Amino acid sequence: MPCSRLRSRRNPLLHRNLLLAVILQNVNIILNSISLLRCRRCDNFGEDSSELHHATDALVQSVFWAVAEWRKTSPMQKLCWCYPGRSAWFHNTVLECWDYSQWLENFRMTHRTLFKIADLLRPYLMRKDTVMQSAIPVEQHVAIGVYFLASRSCYRKIALVFQKGTSTVASVVVEVCLAIEHTLLKEEVRVSDINKSSMLFKKMEEGTLIPGNPMFQYGGVSIPPLILGDGAYPLCKWLMKPYAVPRNERERHYNKMFNRSRNVVECAFGWLKARFRRLSVRMEAHIQNVNSIIASAVILHNICEKKKHDSKPKSNST
């Protein structure tokens, strides 16, 4: 540690010790004076005791002055009501120095993609500066949320990385995920909502889920649209499931082809979790925000796929 830093830490302590020594010396002198005056008062009973009162007042004033000076030198007076916002690392290092691979490693997307998303979310994330502190820039707002989704780090570690408070990071993550879901869900995810999906069984039974109910001809057999499910689903004319206990080679071959087809779906979820690793660990979030966090990860995953960003960076991020 540099000598100047040691000197800066020792000087305030040395000053307080010297001040305390001076105060104790003055109090001791005044107490001795009071004792002498009391002795004189006893010897000269009935004389004016103004000197004794004056010495007592001086002692009281000295004590009050000592307390006031001690509070001025107390280190508790140097603490601020909140930690000042520091964005130098994000602006000077991330924005100025990071290259393409570092952006993909930490944010799973490029600088341009993140800034484009920030522009779309600006009406929902823009905050005004206050007298006490400046608002977090929208770009850094989005970067904190994306970094949370792309890593397994807890709020405390993310707060250290971005030099923000832990509670600030937690609230920023929720705000970003809600803004992404509210703004980009309909544009990036082409699926029906939960209420419409509840009509799946009825529409498949009626053959109206896919317009026109197209048939696929194979070996002279007309095959309608089918859904692949696991062994827990009931067998239906429009839902295929594997044999629970294959009895011959033909059924084993069917199960093999069936599982190979379902692997396509599993790989899609694997790519999603490989890119946004938050989905592969226990989530530190309120239950009412979990759906928004998952939806925002799916939305950003679709955006990255359209931009052809690599989902498997060369080095693993935490």
C-alpha atoms as a PDB file:
ATOM      1  CA  MET A   1       0.000   0.000   0.000  1.00  0.00           C
ATOM      2  CA  PRO A   2       1.434   3.439  -0.835  1.00  0.00           C
ATOM      3  CA  CYS A   3       2.793   5.536   2.012  1.00  0.00           C
ATOM      4  CA  SER A   4       0.478   8.414   1.145  1.00  0.00           C
ATOM      5  CA  ARG A   5      -2.549   6.199   1.663  1.00  0.00           C
ATOM      6  CA  LEU A   6      -1.245   5.011   5.027  1.00  0.00           C
ATOM      7  CA  ARG A   7      -0.559   8.597   6.020  1.00  0.00           C
ATOM      8  CA  SER A   8      -4.081   9.676   5.008  1.00  0.00           C
ATOM      9  CA  ARG A   9      -5.561   6.945   7.170  1.00  0.00           C
ATOM     10  CA  ARG A  10      -3.377   7.614  10.223  1.00  0.00           C
ATOM     11  CA  ASN A  11      -3.602  11.412  10.270  1.00  0.00           C
ATOM     12  CA  PRO A  12      -7.317  11.611  11.249  1.00  0.00           C
ATOM     13  CA  LEU A  13      -6.750   9.093  14.046  1.00  0.00           C
ATOM     14  CA  LEU A  14      -3.683  10.968  15.279  1.00  0.00           C
ATOM     15  CA  HIS A  15      -5.620  14.245  15.217  1.00  0.00           C
ATOM     16  CA  ARG A  16      -8.435  12.763  17.303  1.00  0.00           C
ATOM     17  CA  ASN A  17      -5.984  11.350  19.846  1.00  0.00           C
ATOM     18  CA  LEU A  18      -4.242  14.706  20.243  1.00  0.00           C
ATOM     19  CA  LEU A  19      -7.578  16.465  20.585  1.00  0.00           C
ATOM     20  CA  LEU A  20      -8.672  14.022  23.261  1.00  0.00           C
ATOM     21  CA  ALA A  21      -5.431  14.540  25.183  1.00  0.00           C
ATOM     22  CA  VAL A  22      -5.870  18.329  25.119  1.00  0.00           C
ATOM     23  CA  ILE A  23      -9.482  18.037  26.272  1.00  0.00           C
ATOM     24  CA  LEU A  24      -8.579  15.755  29.166  1.00  0.00           C
ATOM     25  CA  GLN A  25      -5.768  18.090  30.189  1.00  0.00           C
ATOM     26  CA  ASN A  26      -8.086  21.125  30.227  1.00  0.00           C
ATOM     27  CA  VAL A  27     -10.754  19.263  32.184  1.00  0.00           C
ATOM     28  CA  ASN A  28      -8.139  18.130  34.705  1.00  0.00           C
ATOM     29  CA  ILE A  29      -6.914  21.715  35.170  1.00  0.00           C
ATOM     30  CA  ILE A  30     -10.463  23.007  35.714  1.00  0.00           C
ATOM     31  CA  LEU A  31     -11.234  20.206  38.195  1.00  0.00           C
ATOM     32  CA  ASN A  32      -8.114  21.077  40.175  1.00  0.00           C
ATOM     33  CA  SER A  33      -9.192  24.732  40.192  1.00  0.00           C
ATOM     34  CA  ILE A  34     -12.637  23.801  41.484  1.00  0.00           C
ATOM     35  CA  SER A  35     -11.086  21.701  44.255  1.00  0.00           C
ATOM     36  CA  LEU A  36      -8.882  24.611  45.319  1.00  0.00           C
ATOM     37  CA  LEU A  37     -11.825  27.016  45.297  1.00  0.00           C
ATOM     38  CA  ARG A  38     -13.864  24.638  47.443  1.00  0.00           C
ATOM     39  CA  CYS A  39     -11.051  24.453  49.945  1.00  0.00           C
ATOM     40  CA  ARG A  40     -10.785  28.251  50.067  1.00  0.00           C
ATOM     41  CA  ARG A  41     -14.579  28.476  50.446  1.00  0.00           C
ATOM     42  CA  CYS A  42     -14.425  26.178  53.433  1.00  0.00           C
ATOM     43  CA  ASP A  43     -11.638  28.267  54.974  1.00  0.00           C
ATOM     44  CA  ASN A  44     -13.412  31.552  54.227  1.00  0.00           C
ATOM     45  CA  PHE A  45     -16.982  30.594  54.961  1.00  0.00           C
ATOM     46  CA  GLY A  46     -19.516  33.151  53.849  1.00  0.00           C
ATOM     47  CA  GLU A  47     -17.358  34.839  51.202  1.00  0.00           C
ATOM     48  CA  ASP A  48     -18.526  35.385  47.638  1.00  0.00           C
ATOM     49  CA  SER A  49     -18.512  32.137  45.630  1.00  0.00           C
ATOM     50  CA  SER A  50     -18.534  33.723  42.173  1.00  0.00           C
ATOM     51  CA  GLU A  51     -15.138  32.231  41.350  1.00  0.00           C
ATOM     52  CA  LEU A  52     -16.465  28.737  42.079  1.00  0.00           C
ATOM     53  CA  HIS A  53     -19.510  29.254  39.836  1.00  0.00           C
ATOM     54  CA  HIS A  54     -17.287  30.645  37.115  1.00  0.00           C
ATOM     55  CA  ALA A  55     -15.031  27.580  37.252  1.00  0.00           C
ATOM     56  CA  THR A  56     -18.049  25.252  37.166  1.00  0.00           C
ATOM     57  CA  ASP A  57     -19.447  27.019  34.103  1.00  0.00           C
ATOM     58  CA  ALA A  58     -16.057  26.765  32.431  1.00  0.00           C
ATOM     59  CA  LEU A  59     -16.027  23.017  33.063  1.00  0.00           C
ATOM     60  CA  VAL A  60     -19.494  22.555  31.548  1.00  0.00           C
ATOM     61  CA  GLN A  61     -18.579  24.649  28.506  1.00  0.00           C
ATOM     62  CA  SER A  62     -15.378  22.682  28.067  1.00  0.00           C
ATOM     63  CA  VAL A  63     -17.273  19.387  28.096  1.00  0.00           C
ATOM     64  CA  PHE A  64     -19.789  20.630  25.528  1.00  0.00           C
ATOM     65  CA  TRP A  65     -16.981  21.941  23.342  1.00  0.00           C
ATOM     66  CA  ALA A  66     -15.176  18.608  23.604  1.00  0.00           C
ATOM     67  CA  VAL A  67     -18.264  16.676  22.500  1.00  0.00           C
ATOM     68  CA  ALA A  68     -18.824  19.039  19.565  1.00  0.00           C
ATOM     69  CA  GLU A  69     -15.212  18.774  18.388  1.00  0.00           C
ATOM     70  CA  TRP A  70     -15.245  15.008  18.795  1.00  0.00           C
ATOM     71  CA  ARG A  71     -18.357  14.687  16.621  1.00  0.00           C
ATOM     72  CA  LYS A  72     -16.738  16.829  13.921  1.00  0.00           C
ATOM     73  CA  THR A  73     -13.799  14.426  13.711  1.00  0.00           C
ATOM     74  CA  SER A  74     -15.955  11.286  13.859  1.00  0.00           C
ATOM     75  CA  PRO A  75     -15.671   9.146  10.691  1.00  0.00           C
ATOM     76  CA  MET A  76     -19.435   8.546  10.729  1.00  0.00           C
ATOM     77  CA  GLN A  77     -19.915  12.099   9.490  1.00  0.00           C
ATOM     78  CA  LYS A  78     -18.197  11.189   6.211  1.00  0.00           C
ATOM     79  CA  LEU A  79     -20.734   8.543   5.190  1.00  0.00           C
ATOM     80  CA  CYS A  80     -23.230   9.469   2.475  1.00  0.00           C
ATOM     81  CA  TRP A  81     -26.897   8.489   2.334  1.00  0.00           C
ATOM     82  CA  CYS A  82     -26.343   6.281  -0.719  1.00  0.00           C
ATOM     83  CA  TYR A  83     -23.476   5.043  -2.830  1.00  0.00           C
ATOM     84  CA  PRO A  84     -22.805   7.340  -5.796  1.00  0.00           C
ATOM     85  CA  GLY A  85     -23.615   5.906  -9.205  1.00  0.00           C
ATOM     86  CA  ARG A  86     -20.545   4.840 -11.137  1.00  0.00           C
ATOM     87  CA  SER A  87     -20.838   4.036 -14.838  1.00  0.00           C
ATOM     88  CA  ALA A  88     -17.215   4.525 -15.840  1.00  0.00           C
ATOM     89  CA  TRP A  89     -16.584   0.788 -16.294  1.00  0.00           C
ATOM     90  CA  PHE A  90     -19.542   0.302 -18.634  1.00  0.00           C
ATOM     91  CA  HIS A  91     -18.888   3.422 -20.703  1.00  0.00           C
ATOM     92  CA  ASN A  92     -15.081   3.391 -20.773  1.00  0.00           C
ATOM     93  CA  THR A  93     -14.391  -0.353 -20.892  1.00  0.00           C
ATOM     94  CA  VAL A  94     -17.410  -2.179 -22.296  1.00  0.00           C
ATOM     95  CA  LEU A  95     -18.475   0.376 -24.894  1.00  0.00           C
ATOM     96  CA  GLU A  96     -15.004   1.549 -25.878  1.00  0.00           C
ATOM     97  CA  CYS A  97     -12.739  -1.495 -25.563  1.00  0.00           C
ATOM     98  CA  TRP A  98     -14.729  -4.717 -25.900  1.00  0.00           C
ATOM     99  CA  ASP A  99     -14.638  -6.496 -29.248  1.00  0.00           C
ATOM    100  CA  TYR A 100     -17.195  -8.704 -31.007  1.00  0.00           C
ATOM    101  CA  SER A 101     -16.279 -11.907 -29.152  1.00  0.00           C
ATOM    102  CA  GLN A 102     -16.398 -10.239 -25.722  1.00  0.00           C
ATOM    103  CA  TRP A 103     -19.892  -8.914 -26.403  1.00  0.00           C
ATOM    104  CA  LEU A 104     -21.106 -12.365 -27.445  1.00  0.00           C
ATOM    105  CA  GLU A 105     -19.441 -13.951 -24.435  1.00  0.00           C
ATOM    106  CA  ASN A 106     -21.029 -11.663 -21.860  1.00  0.00           C
ATOM    107  CA  PHE A 107     -24.256 -10.427 -23.478  1.00  0.00           C
ATOM    108  CA  ARG A 108     -24.890 -13.108 -26.167  1.00  0.00           C
ATOM    109  CA  MET A 109     -25.421 -10.335 -28.689  1.00  0.00           C
ATOM    110  CA  THR A 110     -23.489  -7.584 -30.408  1.00  0.00           C
ATOM    111  CA  HIS A 111     -23.188  -3.934 -29.502  1.00  0.00           C
ATOM    112  CA  ARG A 112     -25.580  -2.922 -32.288  1.00  0.00           C
ATOM    113  CA  THR A 113     -28.247  -5.457 -31.307  1.00  0.00           C
ATOM    114  CA  LEU A 114     -28.248  -4.371 -27.664  1.00  0.00           C
ATOM    115  CA  PHE A 115     -28.475  -0.701 -28.595  1.00  0.00           C
ATOM    116  CA  LYS A 116     -31.307  -1.411 -31.028  1.00  0.00           C
ATOM    117  CA  ILE A 117     -33.229  -3.170 -28.253  1.00  0.00           C
ATOM    118  CA  ALA A 118     -32.480  -0.225 -25.946  1.00  0.00           C
ATOM    119  CA  ASP A 119     -33.995   2.178 -28.487  1.00  0.00           C
ATOM    120  CA  LEU A 120     -37.168   0.073 -28.644  1.00  0.00           C
ATOM    121  CA  LEU A 121     -37.442  -0.013 -24.845  1.00  0.00           C
ATOM    122  CA  ARG A 122     -36.484   3.623 -24.271  1.00  0.00           C
ATOM    123  CA  PRO A 123     -40.089   4.893 -23.745  1.00  0.00           C
ATOM    124  CA  TYR A 124     -40.528   2.361 -20.908  1.00  0.00           C
ATOM    125  CA  LEU A 125     -37.093   2.582 -19.257  1.00  0.00           C
ATOM    126  CA  MET A 126     -36.209   6.268 -19.562  1.00  0.00           C
ATOM    127  CA  ARG A 127     -35.823   7.907 -16.142  1.00  0.00           C
ATOM    128  CA  LYS A 128     -35.234  11.535 -15.178  1.00  0.00           C
ATOM    129  CA  ASP A 129     -32.233  12.767 -13.223  1.00  0.00           C
ATOM    130  CA  THR A 130     -32.881  13.965  -9.684  1.00  0.00           C
ATOM    131  CA  VAL A 131     -31.113  16.459  -7.459  1.00  0.00           C
ATOM    132  CA  MET A 132     -29.539  13.615  -5.485  1.00  0.00           C
ATOM    133  CA  GLN A 133     -28.250  11.433  -8.327  1.00  0.00           C
ATOM    134  CA  SER A 134     -28.315  10.822 -12.075  1.00  0.00           C
ATOM    135  CA  ALA A 135     -30.555   8.194 -13.642  1.00  0.00           C
ATOM    136  CA  ILE A 136     -29.100   5.002 -15.100  1.00  0.00           C
ATOM    137  CA  PRO A 137     -28.764   5.305 -18.901  1.00  0.00           C
ATOM    138  CA  VAL A 138     -31.193   3.145 -20.867  1.00  0.00           C
ATOM    139  CA  GLU A 139     -28.337   1.296 -22.584  1.00  0.00           C
ATOM    140  CA  GLN A 140     -26.849   0.309 -19.240  1.00  0.00           C
ATOM    141  CA  HIS A 141     -30.345  -0.513 -18.009  1.00  0.00           C
ATOM    142  CA  VAL A 142     -30.763  -3.055 -20.808  1.00  0.00           C
ATOM    143  CA  ALA A 143     -27.195  -4.334 -20.423  1.00  0.00           C
ATOM    144  CA  ILE A 144     -27.833  -5.246 -16.775  1.00  0.00           C
ATOM    145  CA  GLY A 145     -30.998  -7.157 -17.693  1.00  0.00           C
ATOM    146  CA  VAL A 146     -29.365  -9.015 -20.597  1.00  0.00           C
ATOM    147  CA  TYR A 147     -26.291  -9.852 -18.509  1.00  0.00           C
ATOM    148  CA  PHE A 148     -28.580 -11.287 -15.833  1.00  0.00           C
ATOM    149  CA  LEU A 149     -30.240 -13.580 -18.393  1.00  0.00           C
ATOM    150  CA  ALA A 150     -26.947 -14.587 -20.013  1.00  0.00           C
ATOM    151  CA  SER A 151     -25.173 -15.570 -16.788  1.00  0.00           C
ATOM    152  CA  ARG A 152     -25.720 -17.617 -13.656  1.00  0.00           C
ATOM    153  CA  SER A 153     -24.421 -14.861 -11.381  1.00  0.00           C
ATOM    154  CA  CYS A 154     -26.437 -13.681  -8.400  1.00  0.00           C
ATOM    155  CA  TYR A 155     -27.613 -10.106  -7.953  1.00  0.00           C
ATOM    156  CA  ARG A 156     -24.701  -9.310  -5.649  1.00  0.00           C
ATOM    157  CA  LYS A 157     -22.056 -10.287  -8.223  1.00  0.00           C
ATOM    158  CA  ILE A 158     -23.852  -8.442 -11.017  1.00  0.00           C
ATOM    159  CA  ALA A 159     -23.993  -5.375  -8.767  1.00  0.00           C
ATOM    160  CA  LEU A 160     -20.213  -5.563  -8.303  1.00  0.00           C
ATOM    161  CA  VAL A 161     -19.660  -5.937 -12.054  1.00  0.00           C
ATOM    162  CA  PHE A 162     -21.789  -2.917 -12.957  1.00  0.00           C
ATOM    163  CA  GLN A 163     -20.863  -0.995  -9.784  1.00  0.00           C
ATOM    164  CA  LYS A 164     -24.456  -0.576  -8.667  1.00  0.00           C
ATOM    165  CA  GLY A 165     -26.409  -1.461  -5.560  1.00  0.00           C
ATOM    166  CA  THR A 166     -27.807  -4.971  -5.197  1.00  0.00           C
ATOM    167  CA  SER A 167     -31.384  -3.740  -4.787  1.00  0.00           C
ATOM    168  CA  THR A 168     -30.922  -1.471  -7.817  1.00  0.00           C
ATOM    169  CA  VAL A 169     -29.841  -4.415  -9.980  1.00  0.00           C
ATOM    170  CA  ALA A 170     -32.787  -6.526  -8.797  1.00  0.00           C
ATOM    171  CA  SER A 171     -35.311  -3.818  -9.711  1.00  0.00           C
ATOM    172  CA  VAL A 172     -33.590  -3.080 -13.041  1.00  0.00           C
ATOM    173  CA  VAL A 173     -33.768  -6.752 -14.083  1.00  0.00           C
ATOM    174  CA  VAL A 174     -37.516  -6.895 -13.470  1.00  0.00           C
ATOM    175  CA  GLU A 175     -38.104  -3.589 -15.274  1.00  0.00           C
ATOM    176  CA  VAL A 176     -36.138  -4.719 -18.339  1.00  0.00           C
ATOM    177  CA  CYS A 177     -37.861  -8.115 -18.547  1.00  0.00           C
ATOM    178  CA  LEU A 178     -41.320  -6.558 -18.213  1.00  0.00           C
ATOM    179  CA  ALA A 179     -40.483  -3.970 -20.877  1.00  0.00           C
ATOM    180  CA  ILE A 180     -39.210  -6.651 -23.279  1.00  0.00           C
ATOM    181  CA  GLU A 181     -42.313  -8.766 -22.763  1.00  0.00           C
ATOM    182  CA  HIS A 182     -44.668  -5.812 -23.169  1.00  0.00           C
ATOM    183  CA  THR A 183     -42.921  -4.376 -26.240  1.00  0.00           C
ATOM    184  CA  LEU A 184     -41.491  -7.272 -28.257  1.00  0.00           C
ATOM    185  CA  LEU A 185     -43.518 -10.387 -27.427  1.00  0.00           C
ATOM    186  CA  LYS A 186     -46.050 -10.089 -30.254  1.00  0.00           C
ATOM    187  CA  GLU A 187     -43.346  -9.244 -32.784  1.00  0.00           C
ATOM    188  CA  GLU A 188     -40.815 -11.947 -31.948  1.00  0.00           C
ATOM    189  CA  VAL A 189     -42.882 -14.912 -30.689  1.00  0.00           C
ATOM    190  CA  ARG A 190     -45.483 -16.303 -33.078  1.00  0.00           C
ATOM    191  CA  VAL A 191     -47.529 -18.444 -30.743  1.00  0.00           C
ATOM    192  CA  SER A 192     -51.032 -18.258 -29.351  1.00  0.00           C
ATOM    193  CA  ASP A 193     -51.530 -17.180 -25.795  1.00  0.00           C
ATOM    194  CA  ILE A 194     -52.622 -19.494 -22.999  1.00  0.00           C
ATOM    195  CA  ASN A 195     -56.350 -18.936 -23.528  1.00  0.00           C
ATOM    196  CA  LYS A 196     -56.121 -19.820 -27.207  1.00  0.00           C
ATOM    197  CA  SER A 197     -53.887 -22.812 -26.512  1.00  0.00           C
ATOM    198  CA  SER A 198     -56.575 -24.244 -24.240  1.00  0.00           C
ATOM    199  CA  MET A 199     -58.611 -24.868 -27.427  1.00  0.00           C
ATOM    200  CA  LEU A 200     -55.883 -27.175 -28.781  1.00  0.00           C
ATOM    201  CA  PHE A 201     -57.678 -30.433 -28.001  1.00  0.00           C
ATOM    202  CA  LYS A 202     -60.984 -29.333 -29.494  1.00  0.00           C
ATOM    203  CA  LYS A 203     -59.430 -27.987 -32.697  1.00  0.00           C
ATOM    204  CA  MET A 204     -57.278 -31.068 -33.204  1.00  0.00           C
ATOM    205  CA  GLU A 205     -60.319 -33.281 -32.751  1.00  0.00           C
ATOM    206  CA  GLU A 206     -62.211 -31.233 -35.336  1.00  0.00           C
ATOM    207  CA  GLY A 207     -59.218 -31.048 -37.679  1.00  0.00           C
ATOM    208  CA  THR A 208     -59.308 -27.237 -37.726  1.00  0.00           C
ATOM    209  CA  LEU A 209     -56.095 -26.363 -35.871  1.00  0.00           C
ATOM    210  CA  ILE A 210     -54.140 -26.125 -39.135  1.00  0.00           C
ATOM    211  CA  PRO A 211     -56.102 -24.363 -41.899  1.00  0.00           C
ATOM    212  CA  GLY A 212     -57.232 -26.816 -44.555  1.00  0.00           C
ATOM    213  CA  ASN A 213     -56.116 -29.806 -42.457  1.00  0.00           C
ATOM    214  CA  PRO A 214     -53.530 -30.854 -45.101  1.00  0.00           C
ATOM    215  CA  MET A 215     -52.812 -34.567 -45.579  1.00  0.00           C
ATOM    216  CA  PHE A 216     -49.404 -36.104 -46.215  1.00  0.00           C
ATOM    217  CA  GLN A 217     -49.383 -39.091 -48.574  1.00  0.00           C
ATOM    218  CA  TYR A 218     -46.953 -41.875 -47.691  1.00  0.00           C
ATOM    219  CA  GLY A 219     -47.190 -45.387 -49.148  1.00  0.00           C
ATOM    220  CA  GLY A 220     -50.734 -44.783 -50.259  1.00  0.00           C
ATOM    221  CA  VAL A 221     -51.775 -43.723 -46.748  1.00  0.00           C
ATOM    222  CA  SER A 222     -53.106 -40.233 -45.914  1.00  0.00           C
ATOM    223  CA  ILE A 223     -51.465 -38.897 -42.755  1.00  0.00           C
ATOM    224  CA  PRO A 224     -53.041 -35.859 -41.029  1.00  0.00           C
ATOM    225  CA  PRO A 225     -51.090 -33.346 -38.891  1.00  0.00           C
ATOM    226  CA  LEU A 226     -49.855 -35.072 -35.735  1.00  0.00           C
ATOM    227  CA  ILE A 227     -48.476 -33.939 -32.394  1.00  0.00           C
ATOM    228  CA  LEU A 228     -45.613 -35.791 -30.707  1.00  0.00           C
ATOM    229  CA  GLY A 229     -45.951 -36.359 -26.977  1.00  0.00           C
ATOM    230  CA  ASP A 230     -44.205 -38.424 -24.332  1.00  0.00           C
ATOM    231  CA  GLY A 231     -45.543 -41.477 -22.555  1.00  0.00           C
ATOM    232  CA  ALA A 232     -47.588 -39.427 -20.064  1.00  0.00           C
ATOM    233  CA  TYR A 233     -50.037 -38.216 -22.746  1.00  0.00           C
ATOM    234  CA  PRO A 234     -53.112 -40.238 -23.726  1.00  0.00           C
ATOM    235  CA  LEU A 235     -53.039 -41.821 -27.155  1.00  0.00           C
ATOM    236  CA  CYS A 236     -55.278 -39.965 -29.629  1.00  0.00           C
ATOM    237  CA  LYS A 237     -55.763 -40.107 -33.377  1.00  0.00           C
ATOM    238  CA  TRP A 238     -53.858 -36.809 -33.694  1.00  0.00           C
ATOM    239  CA  LEU A 239     -51.268 -37.412 -30.906  1.00  0.00           C
ATOM    240  CA  MET A 240     -48.457 -39.949 -31.186  1.00  0.00           C
ATOM    241  CA  LYS A 241     -46.608 -41.396 -28.206  1.00  0.00           C
ATOM    242  CA  PRO A 242     -43.883 -44.041 -27.831  1.00  0.00           C
ATOM    243  CA  TYR A 243     -44.514 -47.638 -26.853  1.00  0.00           C
ATOM    244  CA  ALA A 244     -44.140 -48.037 -23.125  1.00  0.00           C
ATOM    245  CA  VAL A 245     -42.762 -51.588 -23.507  1.00  0.00           C
ATOM    246  CA  PRO A 246     -41.774 -52.356 -27.119  1.00  0.00           C
ATOM    247  CA  ARG A 247     -42.397 -56.042 -27.825  1.00  0.00           C
ATOM    248  CA  ASN A 248     -40.615 -56.516 -31.148  1.00  0.00           C
ATOM    249  CA  GLU A 249     -38.058 -54.944 -33.467  1.00  0.00           C
ATOM    250  CA  ARG A 250     -40.702 -52.953 -35.320  1.00  0.00           C
ATOM    251  CA  GLU A 251     -41.901 -51.206 -32.158  1.00  0.00           C
ATOM    252  CA  ARG A 252     -38.320 -50.573 -31.023  1.00  0.00           C
ATOM    253  CA  HIS A 253     -37.539 -49.006 -34.391  1.00  0.00           C
ATOM    254  CA  TYR A 254     -40.662 -46.834 -34.054  1.00  0.00           C
ATOM    255  CA  ASN A 255     -39.540 -45.625 -30.622  1.00  0.00           C
ATOM    256  CA  LYS A 256     -36.096 -44.826 -32.019  1.00  0.00           C
ATOM    257  CA  MET A 257     -37.500 -42.704 -34.857  1.00  0.00           C
ATOM    258  CA  PHE A 258     -40.006 -41.106 -32.508  1.00  0.00           C
ATOM    259  CA  ASN A 259     -37.323 -40.044 -30.027  1.00  0.00           C
ATOM    260  CA  ARG A 260     -35.164 -38.734 -32.858  1.00  0.00           C
ATOM    261  CA  SER A 261     -38.025 -36.488 -33.964  1.00  0.00           C
ATOM    262  CA  ARG A 262     -38.608 -35.213 -30.438  1.00  0.00           C
ATOM    263  CA  ASN A 263     -34.914 -34.413 -30.100  1.00  0.00           C
ATOM    264  CA  VAL A 264     -35.463 -31.492 -32.447  1.00  0.00           C
ATOM    265  CA  VAL A 265     -37.697 -29.876 -29.832  1.00  0.00           C
ATOM    266  CA  GLU A 266     -35.304 -30.725 -27.015  1.00  0.00           C
ATOM    267  CA  CYS A 267     -32.401 -29.221 -28.957  1.00  0.00           C
ATOM    268  CA  ALA A 268     -34.375 -26.004 -29.379  1.00  0.00           C
ATOM    269  CA  PHE A 269     -34.728 -25.722 -25.595  1.00  0.00           C
ATOM    270  CA  GLY A 270     -31.073 -26.687 -25.218  1.00  0.00           C
ATOM    271  CA  TRP A 271     -29.997 -23.833 -27.495  1.00  0.00           C
ATOM    272  CA  LEU A 272     -32.169 -21.457 -25.504  1.00  0.00           C
ATOM    273  CA  LYS A 273     -30.614 -22.498 -22.168  1.00  0.00           C
ATOM    274  CA  ALA A 274     -27.107 -22.471 -23.633  1.00  0.00           C
ATOM    275  CA  ARG A 275     -27.503 -18.868 -24.711  1.00  0.00           C
ATOM    276  CA  PHE A 276     -29.373 -17.588 -21.648  1.00  0.00           C
ATOM    277  CA  ARG A 277     -28.079 -19.671 -18.781  1.00  0.00           C
ATOM    278  CA  ARG A 278     -30.359 -18.093 -16.237  1.00  0.00           C
ATOM    279  CA  LEU A 279     -32.964 -20.658 -17.341  1.00  0.00           C
ATOM    280  CA  SER A 280     -30.731 -23.566 -16.287  1.00  0.00           C
ATOM    281  CA  VAL A 281     -30.387 -22.587 -12.613  1.00  0.00           C
ATOM    282  CA  ARG A 282     -32.645 -21.783  -9.702  1.00  0.00           C
ATOM    283  CA  MET A 283     -34.138 -18.371 -10.344  1.00  0.00           C
ATOM    284  CA  GLU A 284     -33.844 -15.646  -7.701  1.00  0.00           C
ATOM    285  CA  ALA A 285     -37.081 -13.855  -8.473  1.00  0.00           C
ATOM    286  CA  HIS A 286     -40.588 -13.409  -7.175  1.00  0.00           C
ATOM    287  CA  ILE A 287     -43.006 -15.975  -8.565  1.00  0.00           C
ATOM    288  CA  GLN A 288     -45.048 -13.284 -10.307  1.00  0.00           C
ATOM    289  CA  ASN A 289     -41.978 -12.186 -12.315  1.00  0.00           C
ATOM    290  CA  VAL A 290     -40.800 -15.634 -13.434  1.00  0.00           C
ATOM    291  CA  ASN A 291     -43.037 -15.733 -16.526  1.00  0.00           C
ATOM    292  CA  SER A 292     -41.752 -12.349 -17.680  1.00  0.00           C
ATOM    293  CA  ILE A 293     -38.126 -13.409 -17.199  1.00  0.00           C
ATOM    294  CA  ILE A 294     -38.646 -16.602 -19.226  1.00  0.00           C
ATOM    295  CA  ALA A 295     -40.596 -14.748 -21.918  1.00  0.00           C
ATOM    296  CA  SER A 296     -37.880 -12.100 -22.231  1.00  0.00           C
ATOM    297  CA  ALA A 297     -35.237 -14.821 -22.647  1.00  0.00           C
ATOM    298  CA  VAL A 298     -37.274 -16.450 -25.438  1.00  0.00           C
ATOM    299  CA  ILE A 299     -37.777 -13.094 -27.168  1.00  0.00           C
ATOM    300  CA  LEU A 300     -34.086 -12.213 -27.028  1.00  0.00           C
ATOM    301  CA  HIS A 301     -33.203 -15.726 -28.209  1.00  0.00           C
ATOM    302  CA  ASN A 302     -35.359 -15.284 -31.313  1.00  0.00           C
ATOM    303  CA  ILE A 303     -33.754 -11.898 -31.983  1.00  0.00           C
ATOM    304  CA  CYS A 304     -30.271 -13.413 -31.691  1.00  0.00           C
ATOM    305  CA  GLU A 305     -31.245 -16.264 -34.030  1.00  0.00           C
ATOM    306  CA  LYS A 306     -32.453 -13.779 -36.628  1.00  0.00           C
ATOM    307  CA  LYS A 307     -29.186 -11.864 -36.299  1.00  0.00           C
ATOM    308  CA  LYS A 308     -27.276 -15.189 -36.510  1.00  0.00           C
ATOM    309  CA  HIS A 309     -25.370 -14.577 -33.300  1.00  0.00           C
ATOM    310  CA  ASP A 310     -23.404 -17.555 -32.042  1.00  0.00           C
ATOM    311  CA  SER A 311     -25.148 -19.258 -29.119  1.00  0.00           C
ATOM    312  CA  LYS A 312     -21.959 -21.010 -27.981  1.00  0.00           C
ATOM    313  CA  PRO A 313     -19.255 -18.464 -27.146  1.00  0.00           C
ATOM    314  CA  LYS A 314     -15.677 -19.660 -27.069  1.00  0.00           C
ATOM    315  CA  SER A 315     -15.216 -19.132 -23.331  1.00  0.00           C
ATOM    316  CA  ASN A 316     -17.759 -19.728 -20.613  1.00  0.00           C
ATOM    317  CA  SER A 317     -19.087 -16.790 -18.670  1.00  0.00           C
ATOM    318  CA  THR A 318     -20.189 -17.085 -15.098  1.00  0.00           C
END
